[in-house]
Amino acid sequence: MKTLLATFLGLACVLNTQAQLHKEAVEYKDGDTVLEGFSVYDESIHGKRPAVLIVHQWMGLTDYEKKRAEMLAQLGYNVFALDIYGKGIRPQDTKEAGALAGKYKGDRELLRRRANAGLTVLKKHELTDPQRVAAIGYCFGGTTVIELARSGADIAGVVSFHGALDSPKPEDGKNIKCRVLALHGADDPFVPAKDVTAWENEMREAHVDWQLVKFGGAVHSFTQWNAGNDNSKGAAYNEKADQRSWEDMKEFFGEIFR
């Protein structure tokens, strides 16, 4: 884990000598609910560019998503990490995180609305090319970006990193207009095989342009640098799966942003 993280951060330092990252907190609303996301882009690049929306894991918008946002901005994207929970609402432990994530997973319409509120912020940004927008998400966020696609969002693609793939309304797959990439730990105990199979069938029946990549030896949270390395806990960092999934995402962007 330390090796890859050091490589990522080292690369970020090298790129940062060339990039001029503009970073800021952005307050916005979903109805009466105040939300606070994180915007980052490279000021050394001029004009509109492809844009990427990031949806956080169950602990809310943290330094992890902000670091990923910076990594994407260094690749030339306009990036916005949204906030599902609300400004200042950040779980203090996994029990609180489970309750918050469960609230939104139990109300998919609310979850979709919060995701679309963040998407609107990104699409309205002056540097965003509205024809080249994608969304990525981690764990809870991976579930969310698939729900964003199921909502019929007008975007080029979504990437789910170790997200749950279940759906209370699989018929909503017919609303998907974009390409879908699911990056999945082959040994993830928190995403039952029946859910994976059901998701595949949903994508097929809806004629979605989809991909499912399974990483052998990887469990849940395989991209999370602070998840430890004990697979027996069901969630653990996996250096190879992290690196490979990041490259898969970049290749996917190369396709959808042509």
Protein backbone atom coordinates (compact mmCIF):
# COMPACT_ATOMS: atom_id res chain seq x y z
CA MET A 1 0.00 0.00 0.00
CA LYS A 2 2.73 2.46 0.97
CA THR A 3 4.57 1.79 -2.29
CA LEU A 4 1.64 2.70 -4.54
CA LEU A 5 0.51 5.60 -2.39
CA ALA A 6 4.05 6.98 -2.49
CA THR A 7 4.04 6.52 -6.27
CA PHE A 8 0.70 8.32 -6.61
CA LEU A 9 1.78 11.18 -4.37
CA GLY A 10 5.19 11.37 -6.01
CA LEU A 11 3.54 11.60 -9.41
CA ALA A 12 1.21 14.25 -8.06
CA CYS A 13 4.22 16.30 -6.91
CA VAL A 14 5.86 16.01 -10.32
CA LEU A 15 2.66 16.97 -12.12
CA ASN A 16 2.03 19.76 -9.66
CA THR A 17 5.24 21.47 -10.74
CA GLN A 18 3.61 21.86 -14.14
CA ALA A 19 -0.05 22.14 -13.15
CA GLN A 20 -1.47 25.21 -11.44
CA LEU A 21 -4.34 23.79 -9.46
CA HIS A 22 -7.19 26.03 -8.43
CA LYS A 23 -9.00 24.48 -5.45
CA GLU A 24 -12.06 25.80 -3.65
CA ALA A 25 -15.04 24.77 -1.56
CA VAL A 26 -18.32 25.36 -3.38
CA GLU A 27 -21.61 25.85 -1.55
CA TYR A 28 -24.79 24.89 -3.39
CA LYS A 29 -28.28 23.62 -2.64
CA ASP A 30 -30.72 20.80 -3.20
CA GLY A 31 -34.00 22.47 -2.37
CA ASP A 32 -33.51 23.98 1.10
CA THR A 33 -30.57 21.72 1.95
CA VAL A 34 -27.18 23.41 1.86
CA LEU A 35 -24.39 21.25 0.45
CA GLU A 36 -20.65 21.87 0.14
CA GLY A 37 -18.52 20.30 -2.56
CA PHE A 38 -14.95 20.69 -3.74
CA SER A 39 -13.90 22.11 -7.12
CA VAL A 40 -10.45 21.74 -8.65
CA TYR A 41 -8.97 22.42 -12.08
CA ASP A 42 -5.64 23.23 -13.68
CA GLU A 43 -5.36 26.97 -14.38
CA SER A 44 -2.47 26.41 -16.80
CA ILE A 45 -4.95 24.84 -19.25
CA HIS A 46 -7.14 27.29 -21.13
CA GLY A 47 -10.69 26.84 -22.30
CA LYS A 48 -13.37 24.25 -21.77
CA ARG A 49 -12.38 20.67 -21.05
CA PRO A 50 -13.88 17.26 -20.16
CA ALA A 51 -15.28 17.20 -16.64
CA VAL A 52 -15.54 14.56 -13.94
CA LEU A 53 -17.96 14.40 -11.01
CA ILE A 54 -16.78 12.50 -7.92
CA VAL A 55 -19.15 10.92 -5.41
CA HIS A 56 -17.76 10.10 -1.98
CA GLN A 57 -17.81 6.89 0.06
CA TRP A 58 -20.00 6.49 3.16
CA MET A 59 -17.87 8.75 5.38
CA GLY A 60 -18.83 11.74 3.25
CA LEU A 61 -16.59 14.13 1.34
CA THR A 62 -13.10 13.68 2.83
CA ASP A 63 -9.48 14.35 1.99
CA TYR A 64 -9.50 11.07 0.07
CA GLU A 65 -11.93 12.32 -2.57
CA LYS A 66 -10.17 15.67 -2.67
CA LYS A 67 -6.87 13.94 -3.43
CA ARG A 68 -8.52 11.92 -6.19
CA ALA A 69 -10.01 15.16 -7.53
CA GLU A 70 -6.56 16.72 -7.66
CA MET A 71 -5.18 13.66 -9.45
CA LEU A 72 -7.89 13.98 -12.08
CA ALA A 73 -7.37 17.73 -12.43
CA GLN A 74 -3.69 17.06 -13.07
CA LEU A 75 -4.81 14.86 -15.98
CA GLY A 76 -6.57 17.88 -17.48
CA TYR A 77 -10.13 17.44 -16.25
CA ASN A 78 -12.43 19.95 -14.59
CA VAL A 79 -13.43 18.16 -11.38
CA PHE A 80 -16.17 18.58 -8.81
CA ALA A 81 -16.44 16.33 -5.74
CA LEU A 82 -20.04 16.62 -4.61
CA ASP A 83 -21.64 16.37 -1.18
CA ILE A 84 -24.58 14.01 -0.67
CA TYR A 85 -25.07 14.50 3.09
CA GLY A 86 -25.10 18.27 3.53
CA LYS A 87 -22.68 20.98 4.61
CA GLY A 88 -21.00 20.11 7.89
CA ILE A 89 -22.61 16.66 8.05
CA ARG A 90 -19.73 14.21 8.26
CA PRO A 91 -20.01 10.85 10.07
CA GLN A 92 -17.74 10.47 13.08
CA ASP A 93 -17.60 6.68 12.93
CA THR A 94 -18.72 3.73 10.82
CA LYS A 95 -21.96 3.34 12.79
CA GLU A 96 -22.99 6.88 11.93
CA ALA A 97 -21.77 6.42 8.36
CA GLY A 98 -23.86 3.28 7.97
CA ALA A 99 -26.97 5.08 9.16
CA LEU A 100 -26.42 8.03 6.81
CA ALA A 101 -25.58 5.93 3.78
CA GLY A 102 -28.53 3.67 4.58
CA LYS A 103 -30.87 6.66 4.59
CA TYR A 104 -29.96 7.52 1.02
CA LYS A 105 -29.70 3.96 -0.26
CA GLY A 106 -33.18 3.44 1.15
CA ASP A 107 -34.49 6.44 -0.77
CA ARG A 108 -33.07 6.16 -4.28
CA GLU A 109 -35.06 9.13 -5.55
CA LEU A 110 -33.46 11.37 -2.92
CA LEU A 111 -30.05 9.90 -3.72
CA ARG A 112 -30.52 10.59 -7.42
CA ARG A 113 -31.66 14.13 -6.72
CA ARG A 114 -28.56 14.87 -4.62
CA ALA A 115 -26.34 13.39 -7.32
CA ASN A 116 -28.02 15.46 -10.01
CA ALA A 117 -27.65 18.61 -7.88
CA GLY A 118 -23.89 18.10 -7.90
CA LEU A 119 -23.92 17.30 -11.60
CA THR A 120 -25.71 20.57 -12.30
CA VAL A 121 -22.96 22.50 -10.51
CA LEU A 122 -20.30 20.81 -12.62
CA LYS A 123 -22.14 21.18 -15.93
CA LYS A 124 -22.73 24.89 -15.33
CA HIS A 125 -19.06 25.56 -14.58
CA GLU A 126 -17.51 27.83 -17.19
CA LEU A 127 -14.66 25.37 -17.89
CA THR A 128 -16.87 22.31 -18.44
CA ASP A 129 -17.47 20.96 -21.91
CA PRO A 130 -21.08 19.82 -21.33
CA GLN A 131 -20.81 17.16 -24.03
CA ARG A 132 -17.91 15.48 -22.23
CA VAL A 133 -18.92 14.83 -18.63
CA ALA A 134 -18.50 11.66 -16.57
CA ALA A 135 -19.09 10.63 -12.96
CA ILE A 136 -17.07 8.30 -10.73
CA GLY A 137 -17.79 7.07 -7.24
CA TYR A 138 -16.29 4.98 -4.46
CA CYS A 139 -18.26 2.38 -2.42
CA PHE A 140 -21.46 4.29 -1.54
CA GLY A 141 -20.44 6.68 -4.29
CA GLY A 142 -20.14 3.80 -6.75
CA THR A 143 -23.74 2.89 -6.02
CA THR A 144 -24.68 6.54 -6.44
CA VAL A 145 -23.16 7.05 -9.89
CA ILE A 146 -25.06 4.02 -11.19
CA GLU A 147 -28.23 5.55 -9.73
CA LEU A 148 -27.28 8.80 -11.46
CA ALA A 149 -27.16 6.87 -14.73
CA ARG A 150 -30.47 5.18 -13.93
CA SER A 151 -32.00 8.62 -13.42
CA GLY A 152 -31.43 9.30 -17.11
CA ALA A 153 -28.66 11.85 -16.58
CA ASP A 154 -27.28 13.29 -19.81
CA ILE A 155 -23.61 12.39 -19.37
CA ALA A 156 -21.03 10.39 -21.31
CA GLY A 157 -20.30 7.70 -18.73
CA VAL A 158 -20.08 6.57 -15.12
CA VAL A 159 -17.44 4.54 -13.28
CA SER A 160 -18.27 2.65 -10.08
CA PHE A 161 -15.35 1.65 -7.87
CA HIS A 162 -16.40 -1.22 -5.56
CA GLY A 163 -19.99 0.03 -5.38
CA ALA A 164 -23.06 -2.02 -4.53
CA LEU A 165 -24.87 -3.03 -7.73
CA ASP A 166 -28.36 -3.79 -6.40
CA SER A 167 -31.44 -1.92 -7.57
CA PRO A 168 -34.94 -1.74 -6.03
CA LYS A 169 -36.22 -0.93 -9.56
CA PRO A 170 -34.12 -2.77 -12.15
CA GLU A 171 -36.52 -1.61 -14.84
CA ASP A 172 -34.93 1.83 -14.44
CA GLY A 173 -31.97 0.48 -16.37
CA LYS A 174 -33.90 1.50 -19.48
CA ASN A 175 -33.31 5.15 -18.53
CA ILE A 176 -29.53 4.84 -18.86
CA LYS A 177 -28.18 6.96 -21.73
CA CYS A 178 -24.46 6.69 -21.00
CA ARG A 179 -21.73 4.07 -20.93
CA VAL A 180 -21.17 2.24 -17.65
CA LEU A 181 -17.99 0.77 -16.16
CA ALA A 182 -18.17 -1.20 -12.90
CA LEU A 183 -14.85 -2.00 -11.21
CA HIS A 184 -15.43 -4.79 -8.72
CA GLY A 185 -13.47 -6.81 -6.18
CA ALA A 186 -13.96 -10.46 -7.18
CA ASP A 187 -13.94 -11.48 -3.50
CA ASP A 188 -16.10 -8.61 -2.19
CA PRO A 189 -18.38 -10.15 0.48
CA PHE A 190 -20.57 -7.04 0.69
CA VAL A 191 -21.78 -7.29 -2.91
CA PRO A 192 -23.56 -10.66 -3.26
CA ALA A 193 -23.06 -12.64 -6.45
CA LYS A 194 -26.81 -12.55 -7.03
CA ASP A 195 -26.67 -8.75 -7.14
CA VAL A 196 -23.85 -8.85 -9.68
CA THR A 197 -25.82 -11.26 -11.85
CA ALA A 198 -28.98 -9.17 -11.55
CA TRP A 199 -27.05 -6.06 -12.50
CA GLU A 200 -25.60 -7.75 -15.57
CA ASN A 201 -29.09 -8.81 -16.62
CA GLU A 202 -30.39 -5.27 -16.04
CA MET A 203 -27.67 -3.85 -18.29
CA ARG A 204 -28.30 -6.45 -21.01
CA GLU A 205 -32.07 -6.01 -21.02
CA ALA A 206 -31.69 -2.23 -21.21
CA HIS A 207 -29.12 -2.54 -24.05
CA VAL A 208 -26.60 -0.45 -22.11
CA ASP A 209 -22.99 -0.15 -23.29
CA TRP A 210 -21.49 -1.65 -20.12
CA GLN A 211 -18.34 -3.24 -18.78
CA LEU A 212 -17.71 -5.19 -15.58
CA VAL A 213 -14.10 -5.70 -14.49
CA LYS A 214 -13.40 -8.06 -11.59
CA PHE A 215 -10.09 -7.95 -9.73
CA GLY A 216 -8.94 -11.27 -8.33
CA GLY A 217 -7.95 -11.24 -4.67
CA ALA A 218 -9.67 -7.88 -4.08
CA VAL A 219 -12.43 -7.29 -1.53
CA HIS A 220 -14.48 -4.21 -0.78
CA SER A 221 -12.78 -0.77 -0.60
CA PHE A 222 -9.81 -1.95 -2.66
CA THR A 223 -8.92 1.64 -3.69
CA GLN A 224 -9.13 3.10 -0.17
CA TRP A 225 -5.58 3.81 1.02
CA ASN A 226 -6.57 3.70 4.70
CA ALA A 227 -8.61 0.47 4.56
CA GLY A 228 -5.82 -1.75 5.90
CA ASN A 229 -4.69 -4.96 4.21
CA ASP A 230 -6.68 -7.67 6.01
CA ASN A 231 -9.01 -9.26 3.45
CA SER A 232 -10.71 -11.26 6.20
CA LYS A 233 -12.44 -8.07 7.33
CA GLY A 234 -14.19 -7.86 3.98
CA ALA A 235 -12.78 -4.42 3.17
CA ALA A 236 -9.10 -3.85 2.48
CA TYR A 237 -6.75 -1.89 0.25
CA ASN A 238 -5.31 -3.77 -2.73
CA GLU A 239 -2.40 -2.09 -4.48
CA LYS A 240 -2.69 -3.94 -7.78
CA ALA A 241 -6.46 -3.52 -8.00
CA ASP A 242 -6.15 0.18 -7.16
CA GLN A 243 -3.55 0.76 -9.85
CA ARG A 244 -5.31 -1.37 -12.46
CA SER A 245 -8.73 0.15 -11.82
CA TRP A 246 -7.31 3.68 -12.15
CA GLU A 247 -5.82 2.73 -15.53
CA ASP A 248 -9.14 1.16 -16.57
CA MET A 249 -10.89 4.41 -15.70
CA LYS A 250 -8.43 6.44 -17.75
CA GLU A 251 -8.87 4.15 -20.74
CA PHE A 252 -12.65 4.44 -20.39
CA PHE A 253 -12.37 8.24 -20.37
CA GLY A 254 -10.21 8.02 -23.46
CA GLU A 255 -13.13 6.31 -25.22
CA ILE A 256 -16.03 8.43 -24.04
CA PHE A 257 -14.30 11.82 -24.33
CA ARG A 258 -13.18 11.46 -27.95
